[in-house]
Amino acid sequence: MSSNSNKITITIPDFPSIEISPDALSEEEHDLLKKLANKSSNLEQLSSQDEELFQFFLNNKEAPIKPLASPSRCIHVAMDRPLEDKEEATLALRELFLGTFSVIWLSEREAVLFQQITDDFEESLELASVLDAFATDFFVTITVAVGSFESDWHKLQARFVDEKKLFTQVRKRFPNKHAFVEQELTLFYVISEIPSATRKELATLLSPVREDTQLLESVKLYLESNLNTSLAAKKMFMHRNTMQYRVDKFIEKTSIDIKQFPNAVAVYMLLLAESYKKES
């Protein structure tokens, strides 16, 4: 819930925002809204920029007059419980995601960050470290979906709508995964939509290595490292030859050459399907 001198805006996830004139509320009703907003923590005055973005992205009002200075994206954030100090959390999120020019709270547990490419922008951000740092400081479990860049307000708004919808669905279906980057949301959503009978049938392709969890973990990391053996080995703190041996072992046992991109994509989806089966 947000407010300015003209109205109070109530936002409930997955429902249209509601605008109410303060004059239309009795003193008791206004006090009740404050209590529901956790002692008015959500009634803070939005900056003019945040208010403009709030109205555009949440209420389909006019786009900001000033064009985007550089490609920008949405970072969707959700916590497992309400925060006691959202002001401190907002500052922390800005520091963790450099280049963030606005943070808008959608509810007690959800926020969206608007980040643009600046001189401080970090291309290869280690999301796991970011999530751990925030969780340690605020004693919450945080889930984040980093969206795709756009250079136009209207295209960014369309991205926001699509990504938010997917984020809501996917994080419910994969509660143990807390970081999604760009089209990972789409991929995980597609996996979750595959009928269980189909997933079970496809899973037989991994039967020869199903019990070798160490091998499967190594192969998954190899695939997530863009088929780069050296990078995957570095992430697992092992020698490159050891990683290469495990990749070759997988290929030998399954007869699926994951060094070829189409095969790699298929195997990665199978591994994600396996993880979804365990979580569902």
Protein backbone atom coordinates (compact mmCIF):
# COMPACT_ATOMS: atom_id res chain seq x y z
CA MET A 1 0.00 0.00 0.00
CA SER A 2 1.37 3.45 -0.92
CA SER A 3 0.11 6.97 -0.50
CA ASN A 4 0.55 10.51 -1.75
CA SER A 5 -1.31 13.74 -1.15
CA ASN A 6 -4.16 12.75 -3.47
CA LYS A 7 -4.85 9.09 -2.89
CA ILE A 8 -4.03 5.84 -1.15
CA THR A 9 -3.11 2.93 -3.43
CA ILE A 10 -3.69 -0.61 -2.18
CA THR A 11 -1.80 -3.31 -4.04
CA ILE A 12 -2.50 -7.02 -3.60
CA PRO A 13 -0.35 -9.53 -5.58
CA ASP A 14 -2.11 -10.87 -8.69
CA PHE A 15 -5.03 -8.40 -8.34
CA PRO A 16 -5.58 -4.93 -9.82
CA SER A 17 -4.47 -2.02 -7.63
CA ILE A 18 -7.19 -0.06 -5.84
CA GLU A 19 -7.03 3.73 -5.45
CA ILE A 20 -8.94 5.39 -2.61
CA SER A 21 -9.26 9.07 -1.80
CA PRO A 22 -8.28 9.72 1.85
CA ASP A 23 -11.37 11.92 2.17
CA ALA A 24 -13.58 8.89 1.48
CA LEU A 25 -12.30 7.09 4.58
CA SER A 26 -13.36 7.59 8.16
CA GLU A 27 -10.67 7.93 10.80
CA GLU A 28 -11.35 4.37 11.97
CA GLU A 29 -11.06 3.01 8.43
CA HIS A 30 -7.80 4.84 7.88
CA ASP A 31 -6.42 3.46 11.15
CA LEU A 32 -7.45 -0.05 10.08
CA LEU A 33 -5.57 0.32 6.80
CA LYS A 34 -2.51 1.42 8.71
CA LYS A 35 -2.69 -1.65 10.92
CA LEU A 36 -3.08 -3.94 7.92
CA ALA A 37 -0.03 -2.28 6.44
CA ASN A 38 2.00 -3.30 9.49
CA LYS A 39 1.82 -0.05 11.44
CA SER A 40 1.90 2.14 8.33
CA SER A 41 5.21 0.72 7.08
CA ASN A 42 3.76 0.75 3.60
CA LEU A 43 2.25 4.24 3.84
CA GLU A 44 5.58 6.01 3.37
CA GLN A 45 5.71 8.79 0.84
CA LEU A 46 7.00 7.54 -2.48
CA SER A 47 9.52 9.67 -4.32
CA SER A 48 8.18 11.31 -7.46
CA GLN A 49 10.18 8.86 -9.59
CA ASP A 50 8.96 5.81 -7.67
CA GLU A 51 5.37 7.06 -7.79
CA GLU A 52 5.63 7.57 -11.55
CA LEU A 53 7.00 4.06 -12.03
CA PHE A 54 4.44 2.58 -9.65
CA GLN A 55 1.58 4.09 -11.62
CA PHE A 56 3.03 3.05 -14.97
CA PHE A 57 3.97 -0.54 -14.14
CA LEU A 58 1.16 -1.38 -11.71
CA ASN A 59 -1.74 0.74 -12.91
CA ASN A 60 -1.00 1.17 -16.64
CA LYS A 61 -0.79 4.94 -16.39
CA GLU A 62 1.32 7.10 -18.71
CA ALA A 63 4.93 6.10 -19.27
CA PRO A 64 7.66 8.27 -17.74
CA ILE A 65 8.43 11.27 -19.93
CA LYS A 66 12.17 10.88 -19.55
CA PRO A 67 13.40 7.96 -21.71
CA LEU A 68 15.55 5.20 -20.26
CA ALA A 69 19.14 6.40 -20.05
CA SER A 70 20.49 2.92 -20.71
CA PRO A 71 19.17 -0.66 -21.06
CA SER A 72 17.26 -1.58 -17.90
CA ARG A 73 15.64 -4.65 -16.38
CA CYS A 74 13.37 -5.73 -13.56
CA ILE A 75 14.62 -7.79 -10.64
CA HIS A 76 11.75 -9.55 -8.90
CA VAL A 77 12.20 -10.25 -5.19
CA ALA A 78 10.14 -12.33 -2.78
CA MET A 79 10.70 -13.15 0.91
CA ASP A 80 9.30 -15.99 2.96
CA ARG A 81 7.99 -13.59 5.61
CA PRO A 82 7.38 -9.84 6.08
CA LEU A 83 10.38 -7.65 6.86
CA GLU A 84 10.52 -5.56 10.00
CA ASP A 85 12.48 -2.73 8.38
CA LYS A 86 11.77 -2.28 4.69
CA GLU A 87 13.75 0.95 4.54
CA GLU A 88 16.93 -0.87 5.55
CA ALA A 89 16.07 -3.71 3.18
CA THR A 90 15.64 -1.25 0.32
CA LEU A 91 19.08 0.24 0.96
CA ALA A 92 20.61 -3.24 1.15
CA LEU A 93 19.02 -4.31 -2.16
CA ARG A 94 20.36 -1.18 -3.86
CA GLU A 95 23.85 -1.97 -2.60
CA LEU A 96 23.66 -5.61 -3.62
CA PHE A 97 22.29 -4.87 -7.10
CA LEU A 98 24.38 -1.92 -8.26
CA GLY A 99 22.71 0.25 -10.85
CA THR A 100 19.28 -0.02 -9.19
CA PHE A 101 17.49 3.30 -9.68
CA SER A 102 14.20 2.39 -8.02
CA VAL A 103 12.79 -0.14 -5.55
CA ILE A 104 9.02 -0.53 -5.33
CA TRP A 105 7.34 -2.74 -2.74
CA LEU A 106 4.37 -4.64 -4.12
CA SER A 107 3.40 -6.18 -0.78
CA GLU A 108 4.86 -6.95 2.64
CA ARG A 109 6.96 -9.72 1.08
CA GLU A 110 7.49 -8.73 -2.56
CA ALA A 111 9.36 -5.97 -4.33
CA VAL A 112 10.60 -5.13 -7.78
CA LEU A 113 13.92 -3.45 -8.47
CA PHE A 114 14.61 -1.45 -11.61
CA GLN A 115 18.25 -1.77 -12.57
CA GLN A 116 20.13 -0.13 -15.43
CA ILE A 117 23.58 -0.58 -16.90
CA THR A 118 25.93 1.92 -15.27
CA ASP A 119 29.66 2.18 -14.65
CA ASP A 120 29.14 0.15 -11.44
CA PHE A 121 27.07 -2.55 -13.11
CA GLU A 122 28.30 -6.11 -12.49
CA GLU A 123 27.77 -8.35 -15.52
CA SER A 124 28.57 -11.65 -13.81
CA LEU A 125 26.91 -11.21 -10.43
CA GLU A 126 27.17 -14.21 -8.11
CA LEU A 127 23.53 -14.47 -7.10
CA ALA A 128 24.08 -17.14 -4.47
CA SER A 129 26.40 -14.82 -2.53
CA VAL A 130 23.93 -11.95 -2.84
CA LEU A 131 21.07 -14.05 -1.49
CA ASP A 132 23.19 -15.38 1.37
CA ALA A 133 24.26 -11.87 2.36
CA PHE A 134 20.69 -10.57 2.43
CA ALA A 135 19.38 -13.63 4.28
CA THR A 136 22.07 -13.26 6.93
CA ASP A 137 21.33 -9.58 7.52
CA PHE A 138 17.53 -9.82 7.58
CA PHE A 139 16.87 -13.41 8.71
CA VAL A 140 14.64 -14.24 5.74
CA THR A 141 14.75 -16.61 2.81
CA ILE A 142 14.83 -14.54 -0.36
CA THR A 143 14.01 -15.65 -3.90
CA VAL A 144 15.08 -13.53 -6.86
CA ALA A 145 14.35 -13.52 -10.59
CA VAL A 146 16.63 -11.32 -12.67
CA GLY A 147 14.83 -10.22 -15.83
CA SER A 148 15.94 -9.32 -19.33
CA PHE A 149 17.13 -5.90 -20.46
CA GLU A 150 15.02 -3.53 -22.52
CA SER A 151 15.72 -0.01 -23.83
CA ASP A 152 12.11 1.20 -24.03
CA TRP A 153 9.64 1.82 -21.19
CA HIS A 154 6.74 0.03 -22.84
CA LYS A 155 8.83 -3.03 -23.69
CA LEU A 156 10.13 -3.10 -20.13
CA GLN A 157 6.57 -2.92 -18.82
CA ALA A 158 5.58 -5.91 -20.99
CA ARG A 159 8.61 -7.78 -19.63
CA PHE A 160 7.59 -6.89 -16.09
CA VAL A 161 4.09 -8.31 -16.54
CA ASP A 162 5.29 -11.56 -18.13
CA GLU A 163 8.17 -12.10 -15.72
CA LYS A 164 6.06 -11.37 -12.63
CA LYS A 165 3.44 -13.88 -13.74
CA LEU A 166 6.06 -16.58 -14.36
CA PHE A 167 7.90 -15.74 -11.13
CA THR A 168 4.71 -16.22 -9.10
CA GLN A 169 4.07 -19.63 -10.66
CA VAL A 170 7.61 -20.98 -10.79
CA ARG A 171 8.69 -20.16 -7.26
CA LYS A 172 5.67 -22.08 -5.94
CA ARG A 173 6.55 -25.12 -8.04
CA PHE A 174 10.29 -25.01 -7.29
CA PRO A 175 10.40 -23.85 -3.64
CA ASN A 176 14.00 -25.00 -3.17
CA LYS A 177 15.36 -22.86 -6.00
CA HIS A 178 15.92 -19.25 -5.04
CA ALA A 179 17.65 -17.67 -8.04
CA PHE A 180 16.42 -17.38 -11.61
CA VAL A 181 18.18 -15.50 -14.40
CA GLU A 182 16.39 -14.23 -17.50
CA GLN A 183 14.76 -17.06 -19.45
CA GLU A 184 15.30 -19.61 -16.70
CA LEU A 185 11.81 -18.70 -15.54
CA THR A 186 10.41 -19.77 -18.90
CA LEU A 187 12.40 -22.99 -18.87
CA PHE A 188 11.31 -23.99 -15.37
CA TYR A 189 7.71 -23.11 -16.15
CA VAL A 190 7.75 -25.32 -19.26
CA ILE A 191 9.22 -28.18 -17.24
CA SER A 192 6.51 -27.90 -14.61
CA GLU A 193 3.81 -28.03 -17.29
CA ILE A 194 4.97 -31.39 -18.71
CA PRO A 195 2.53 -34.13 -17.60
CA SER A 196 3.96 -36.45 -14.96
CA ALA A 197 3.49 -39.51 -17.17
CA THR A 198 5.56 -37.88 -19.91
CA ARG A 199 8.29 -36.86 -17.46
CA LYS A 200 8.43 -40.42 -16.15
CA GLU A 201 8.77 -41.81 -19.66
CA LEU A 202 11.52 -39.38 -20.63
CA ALA A 203 13.38 -39.99 -17.39
CA THR A 204 14.28 -43.50 -18.56
CA LEU A 205 16.98 -41.91 -20.72
CA LEU A 206 18.90 -41.22 -17.53
CA SER A 207 18.40 -44.68 -16.04
CA PRO A 208 22.02 -45.82 -16.55
CA VAL A 209 23.32 -43.00 -14.32
CA ARG A 210 20.32 -42.29 -12.09
CA GLU A 211 22.02 -43.51 -8.90
CA ASP A 212 25.28 -41.66 -9.54
CA THR A 213 24.35 -38.34 -7.94
CA GLN A 214 27.91 -37.03 -8.06
CA LEU A 215 28.07 -37.61 -11.79
CA LEU A 216 24.70 -35.97 -12.39
CA GLU A 217 25.67 -32.96 -10.30
CA SER A 218 28.89 -32.56 -12.30
CA VAL A 219 27.08 -32.87 -15.63
CA LYS A 220 24.44 -30.33 -14.59
CA LEU A 221 27.13 -27.82 -13.66
CA TYR A 222 28.96 -28.52 -16.93
CA LEU A 223 25.78 -27.75 -18.85
CA GLU A 224 25.15 -24.61 -16.80
CA SER A 225 28.70 -23.52 -17.60
CA ASN A 226 27.87 -23.42 -21.32
CA LEU A 227 29.69 -26.72 -21.97
CA ASN A 228 32.92 -25.17 -20.72
CA THR A 229 34.86 -27.95 -18.98
CA SER A 230 37.44 -25.63 -17.42
CA LEU A 231 34.82 -23.30 -15.97
CA ALA A 232 32.77 -26.18 -14.57
CA ALA A 233 35.87 -27.71 -12.99
CA LYS A 234 36.76 -24.38 -11.41
CA LYS A 235 33.28 -24.05 -9.90
CA MET A 236 33.57 -27.53 -8.39
CA PHE A 237 37.16 -26.97 -7.22
CA MET A 238 38.49 -29.91 -9.19
CA HIS A 239 41.03 -30.53 -11.94
CA ARG A 240 39.82 -30.02 -15.49
CA ASN A 241 40.71 -33.64 -16.36
CA THR A 242 38.41 -34.90 -13.59
CA MET A 243 35.50 -32.95 -15.01
CA GLN A 244 36.31 -34.14 -18.51
CA TYR A 245 36.37 -37.73 -17.26
CA ARG A 246 32.90 -37.35 -15.74
CA VAL A 247 31.48 -35.84 -18.93
CA ASP A 248 32.91 -38.69 -20.97
CA LYS A 249 31.61 -41.21 -18.45
CA PHE A 250 28.10 -39.79 -18.78
CA ILE A 251 28.30 -39.98 -22.57
CA GLU A 252 29.54 -43.57 -22.46
CA LYS A 253 26.84 -44.78 -20.06
CA THR A 254 23.86 -42.97 -21.63
CA SER A 255 24.97 -42.81 -25.28
CA ILE A 256 23.95 -39.12 -25.24
CA ASP A 257 26.72 -36.83 -26.47
CA ILE A 258 26.18 -33.76 -24.29
CA LYS A 259 29.05 -31.97 -26.05
CA GLN A 260 26.53 -31.37 -28.83
CA PHE A 261 24.20 -28.45 -28.07
CA PRO A 262 20.82 -30.09 -28.91
CA ASN A 263 21.70 -33.10 -26.74
CA ALA A 264 22.92 -30.82 -23.96
CA VAL A 265 19.62 -28.92 -23.94
CA ALA A 266 17.62 -32.15 -23.82
CA VAL A 267 19.65 -33.56 -20.92
CA TYR A 268 19.45 -30.30 -19.00
CA MET A 269 15.68 -30.33 -19.27
CA LEU A 270 15.62 -33.93 -18.11
CA LEU A 271 17.70 -33.00 -15.06
CA LEU A 272 15.36 -30.11 -14.27
CA ALA A 273 12.38 -32.43 -14.65
CA GLU A 274 13.97 -34.77 -12.12
CA SER A 275 14.38 -31.94 -9.63
CA TYR A 276 10.76 -30.89 -10.13
CA LYS A 277 9.61 -34.46 -9.46
CA LYS A 278 11.47 -34.44 -6.15
CA GLU A 279 9.97 -31.11 -5.08
CA SER A 280 6.39 -31.80 -6.14
